Amino acid sequence: MIGEVVRREADIAAGPLYITERRRFAVDFTDPFMTVEASLLVRRPNGNGSPVQVASAEDLLSQPDVHFGTLNRGFIHHALRAANDSVISELWARMQAPDTYAFTHSNNEGIERVRRENFVFILPNKIAEYVSRRPPCDLMAVDNFLVKTGFGLALGKGSALTAKLNQALDLLARNGVLAMLYEKWWIVRGQCQGHDPQGLIAGSKAASNAGGRTTVFALLLLTAVFAGFRT
């Protein structure tokens, strides 16, 4: 999506696009329409297997039998490596130790390891929240920490639309529309209120579905924005 905007094949890219300094060299971003932090994905106490008793990042350092890791790339990987905080630095050092297998090739791989192993997966909180509300309802997200970034709409450098979109996003935030959309697509449509293991979305696909849900969120957001332009 970024490439299409850079090549002027598209005016706006809408989806799960993290706002990063590297990307800012290529495109302009709107203000964030959704903030993202790191979170810990663990087994629920009533999930399959023994639960991992972790409530915060600091707890990982006091439990030598609990393994943890993250995706082998992306903003969380970078933030862990660059952090000056002593707790985060120790977490990163332990992940670098031989034979820890801390880094996964995909979020889905990390999610399945949480289910199978004594493993805690560090991933974006919006993905963790989405997965924890989808069948088989055996996982939960705890703690928000490390870094705060956001998803934004990407536009060509110098686009005249950026300022107008920011004004519309600010209005939607103040009117509660952004909160309403998040509540609808992440909370209300969650499938774990009764912890039904026979849900419609397989747990191994939930991370991919979270990205798709963010794209839908962004497209609905654009619809609301442009509807506002016409009024």
Protein backbone atom coordinates (compact mmCIF):
# COMPACT_ATOMS: atom_id res chain seq x y z
CA MET A 1 0.00 0.00 0.00
CA ILE A 2 2.82 2.43 0.81
CA GLY A 3 4.41 1.78 -2.58
CA GLU A 4 1.20 2.60 -4.43
CA VAL A 5 1.00 5.95 -2.66
CA VAL A 6 4.68 6.69 -3.36
CA ARG A 7 4.17 5.88 -7.05
CA ARG A 8 1.06 8.10 -7.07
CA GLU A 9 -1.09 5.13 -8.06
CA ALA A 10 -3.28 5.84 -5.01
CA ASP A 11 -4.09 9.02 -3.14
CA ILE A 12 -4.63 7.35 0.25
CA ALA A 13 -3.58 4.02 1.80
CA ALA A 14 -5.97 2.74 4.49
CA GLY A 15 -5.11 -0.28 6.60
CA PRO A 16 -2.96 -1.50 9.51
CA LEU A 17 -0.13 0.91 8.70
CA TYR A 18 2.12 1.69 11.65
CA ILE A 19 3.38 5.26 11.69
CA THR A 20 7.18 5.00 11.75
CA GLU A 21 9.98 7.48 11.14
CA ARG A 22 11.25 5.38 8.23
CA ARG A 23 7.87 5.47 6.53
CA ARG A 24 7.58 9.22 7.13
CA PHE A 25 10.48 9.70 4.72
CA ALA A 26 8.34 8.21 1.95
CA VAL A 27 4.78 9.36 2.73
CA ASP A 28 2.79 11.72 4.89
CA PHE A 29 0.63 10.26 7.65
CA THR A 30 -2.50 11.56 9.25
CA ASP A 31 -2.74 11.73 13.00
CA PRO A 32 -3.28 8.20 14.42
CA PHE A 33 -6.80 6.83 14.27
CA MET A 34 -5.83 3.98 16.60
CA THR A 35 -2.99 3.82 19.16
CA VAL A 36 -0.92 0.67 19.52
CA GLU A 37 1.30 -0.55 22.38
CA ALA A 38 2.98 -3.84 23.23
CA SER A 39 1.03 -6.43 25.21
CA LEU A 40 1.57 -9.93 26.64
CA LEU A 41 -0.49 -12.82 25.32
CA VAL A 42 -0.88 -15.62 27.89
CA ARG A 43 -3.14 -18.63 28.47
CA ARG A 44 -6.35 -18.02 30.37
CA PRO A 45 -6.61 -19.72 33.79
CA ASN A 46 -9.38 -21.89 32.36
CA GLY A 47 -7.68 -22.53 29.05
CA ASN A 48 -6.10 -25.76 27.92
CA GLY A 49 -2.99 -26.54 29.93
CA SER A 50 -1.71 -24.77 33.03
CA PRO A 51 -2.03 -20.99 32.99
CA VAL A 52 1.08 -18.82 32.95
CA GLN A 53 0.88 -16.51 35.98
CA VAL A 54 2.12 -13.30 34.43
CA ALA A 55 0.46 -9.92 34.88
CA SER A 56 3.19 -7.58 33.66
CA ALA A 57 6.47 -7.45 31.76
CA GLU A 58 8.35 -7.36 35.07
CA ASP A 59 6.83 -10.72 36.04
CA LEU A 60 8.64 -12.38 33.15
CA LEU A 61 11.99 -11.71 34.85
CA SER A 62 10.98 -13.42 38.09
CA GLN A 63 9.80 -16.67 36.50
CA PRO A 64 12.74 -18.55 34.98
CA ASP A 65 10.50 -21.40 33.79
CA VAL A 66 8.44 -19.08 31.61
CA HIS A 67 9.80 -18.46 28.13
CA PHE A 68 8.87 -15.41 26.12
CA GLY A 69 9.48 -13.90 22.74
CA THR A 70 8.20 -11.73 19.92
CA LEU A 71 8.08 -11.45 16.15
CA ASN A 72 11.53 -11.40 14.53
CA ARG A 73 10.87 -8.00 12.94
CA GLY A 74 8.62 -4.98 13.26
CA PHE A 75 8.19 -2.07 15.63
CA ILE A 76 8.08 -4.14 18.85
CA HIS A 77 11.29 -5.98 17.93
CA HIS A 78 12.95 -2.64 17.24
CA ALA A 79 11.61 -1.03 20.43
CA LEU A 80 12.80 -3.93 22.62
CA ARG A 81 16.26 -3.73 21.11
CA ALA A 82 16.53 0.06 21.45
CA ALA A 83 14.94 0.53 24.90
CA ASN A 84 16.90 2.18 27.72
CA ASP A 85 14.59 0.88 30.45
CA SER A 86 16.36 -1.66 32.69
CA VAL A 87 13.46 -4.15 32.69
CA ILE A 88 13.09 -4.08 28.92
CA SER A 89 16.85 -4.35 28.45
CA GLU A 90 16.90 -7.48 30.60
CA LEU A 91 14.01 -8.96 28.65
CA TRP A 92 15.88 -8.33 25.41
CA ALA A 93 19.09 -9.82 26.81
CA ARG A 94 17.27 -13.02 27.80
CA MET A 95 15.71 -13.30 24.37
CA GLN A 96 19.18 -13.15 22.85
CA ALA A 97 20.39 -16.15 24.89
CA PRO A 98 21.22 -19.35 22.95
CA ASP A 99 18.48 -21.97 22.50
CA THR A 100 15.66 -19.67 23.66
CA TYR A 101 13.94 -19.65 20.24
CA ALA A 102 12.42 -16.37 21.32
CA PHE A 103 11.76 -14.93 17.87
CA THR A 104 8.95 -16.17 15.67
CA HIS A 105 8.47 -15.88 11.92
CA SER A 106 4.83 -14.81 12.27
CA ASN A 107 2.34 -13.68 14.88
CA ASN A 108 0.33 -16.85 14.31
CA GLU A 109 3.39 -18.95 15.20
CA GLY A 110 3.79 -17.07 18.47
CA ILE A 111 0.08 -17.42 19.30
CA GLU A 112 0.20 -21.18 18.78
CA ARG A 113 3.30 -21.45 20.98
CA VAL A 114 1.38 -19.74 23.81
CA ARG A 115 -1.20 -22.51 23.52
CA ARG A 116 1.30 -25.39 23.34
CA GLU A 117 4.17 -24.25 25.55
CA ASN A 118 4.99 -22.37 28.73
CA PHE A 119 5.40 -19.31 26.54
CA VAL A 120 4.37 -15.66 26.63
CA PHE A 121 4.18 -13.80 23.33
CA ILE A 122 4.84 -10.05 23.11
CA LEU A 123 2.80 -8.51 20.30
CA PRO A 124 0.77 -5.39 19.43
CA ASN A 125 -2.02 -4.94 21.95
CA LYS A 126 -4.70 -4.52 19.29
CA ILE A 127 -3.84 -7.96 17.87
CA ALA A 128 -3.66 -9.45 21.38
CA GLU A 129 -7.06 -7.98 22.31
CA TYR A 130 -8.61 -9.29 19.09
CA VAL A 131 -7.16 -12.80 19.46
CA SER A 132 -8.21 -13.03 23.11
CA ARG A 133 -11.83 -12.41 22.11
CA ARG A 134 -11.90 -15.13 19.46
CA PRO A 135 -12.37 -18.93 19.78
CA PRO A 136 -11.15 -21.15 21.25
CA CYS A 137 -11.20 -18.44 23.98
CA ASP A 138 -8.16 -19.84 25.78
CA LEU A 139 -5.92 -16.74 25.71
CA MET A 140 -5.90 -13.31 27.30
CA ALA A 141 -3.98 -10.08 26.86
CA VAL A 142 -2.28 -8.48 29.87
CA ASP A 143 -0.32 -5.26 30.37
CA ASN A 144 0.31 -2.45 27.89
CA PHE A 145 3.90 -1.27 27.86
CA LEU A 146 7.11 -0.49 25.98
CA VAL A 147 6.06 1.83 23.19
CA LYS A 148 3.09 3.74 21.91
CA THR A 149 2.65 4.22 18.18
CA GLY A 150 -0.42 4.28 16.00
CA PHE A 151 -2.13 3.36 12.77
CA GLY A 152 -2.53 6.22 10.34
CA LEU A 153 -3.77 6.89 6.84
CA ALA A 154 -0.87 7.32 4.39
CA LEU A 155 -0.85 10.00 1.70
CA GLY A 156 1.63 11.28 -0.85
CA LYS A 157 4.23 13.75 0.37
CA GLY A 158 2.76 17.21 0.52
CA SER A 159 -0.81 16.06 -0.09
CA ALA A 160 -3.39 18.78 0.46
CA LEU A 161 -5.72 16.13 1.91
CA THR A 162 -3.60 15.51 5.01
CA ALA A 163 -4.71 18.61 6.91
CA LYS A 164 -8.38 18.06 5.97
CA LEU A 165 -8.23 14.43 7.10
CA ASN A 166 -6.64 15.43 10.39
CA GLN A 167 -9.45 17.92 11.01
CA ALA A 168 -12.03 15.23 10.28
CA LEU A 169 -10.25 12.68 12.50
CA ASP A 170 -10.15 15.17 15.34
CA LEU A 171 -13.89 15.76 14.97
CA LEU A 172 -14.63 12.01 14.88
CA ALA A 173 -12.53 11.51 18.02
CA ARG A 174 -14.28 14.32 19.90
CA ASN A 175 -17.70 13.05 18.81
CA GLY A 176 -16.92 9.54 20.03
CA VAL A 177 -17.08 7.93 16.57
CA LEU A 178 -13.59 6.41 16.77
CA ALA A 179 -14.37 4.87 20.15
CA MET A 180 -17.69 3.58 18.83
CA LEU A 181 -16.07 1.91 15.83
CA TYR A 182 -13.46 0.23 18.03
CA GLU A 183 -16.11 -0.95 20.46
CA LYS A 184 -18.16 -2.42 17.61
CA TRP A 185 -15.39 -4.22 15.73
CA TRP A 186 -13.21 -5.37 18.63
CA ILE A 187 -15.48 -5.71 21.67
CA VAL A 188 -19.13 -6.18 20.68
CA ARG A 189 -18.27 -8.62 17.89
CA GLY A 190 -16.03 -10.66 20.16
CA GLN A 191 -16.98 -14.32 20.39
CA CYS A 192 -15.77 -15.28 23.85
CA GLN A 193 -18.49 -13.96 26.13
CA GLY A 194 -19.57 -17.56 26.79
CA HIS A 195 -16.14 -19.07 26.00
CA ASP A 196 -17.71 -21.21 23.26
CA PRO A 197 -14.93 -23.36 21.73
CA GLN A 198 -16.99 -23.95 18.58
CA GLY A 199 -16.64 -20.42 17.24
CA LEU A 200 -16.57 -19.32 13.65
CA ILE A 201 -12.98 -18.06 13.49
CA ALA A 202 -10.16 -20.52 14.05
CA GLY A 203 -7.67 -19.30 16.63
CA SER A 204 -4.69 -19.94 14.36
CA LYS A 205 -6.08 -17.42 11.85
CA ALA A 206 -7.09 -14.75 14.32
CA ALA A 207 -3.93 -12.63 13.98
CA SER A 208 -4.44 -12.37 10.22
CA ASN A 209 -8.09 -11.52 10.79
CA ALA A 210 -7.05 -8.73 13.16
CA GLY A 211 -5.17 -7.08 10.30
CA GLY A 212 -8.21 -7.43 8.08
CA ARG A 213 -10.43 -5.99 10.79
CA THR A 214 -8.12 -2.96 11.04
CA THR A 215 -8.40 -2.47 7.27
CA VAL A 216 -12.20 -2.56 7.52
CA PHE A 217 -11.98 -0.10 10.43
CA ALA A 218 -9.85 2.25 8.32
CA LEU A 219 -12.19 2.02 5.32
CA LEU A 220 -15.24 2.71 7.48
CA LEU A 221 -13.31 5.62 8.94
CA LEU A 222 -12.64 7.00 5.46
CA THR A 223 -16.32 6.65 4.62
CA ALA A 224 -17.22 8.66 7.70
CA VAL A 225 -14.57 11.25 6.90
CA PHE A 226 -15.70 11.84 3.34
CA ALA A 227 -19.33 11.87 4.39
CA GLY A 228 -18.35 14.71 6.68
CA PHE A 229 -16.64 16.51 3.81
CA ARG A 230 -19.92 16.58 1.89
CA THR A 231 -21.94 18.08 4.76
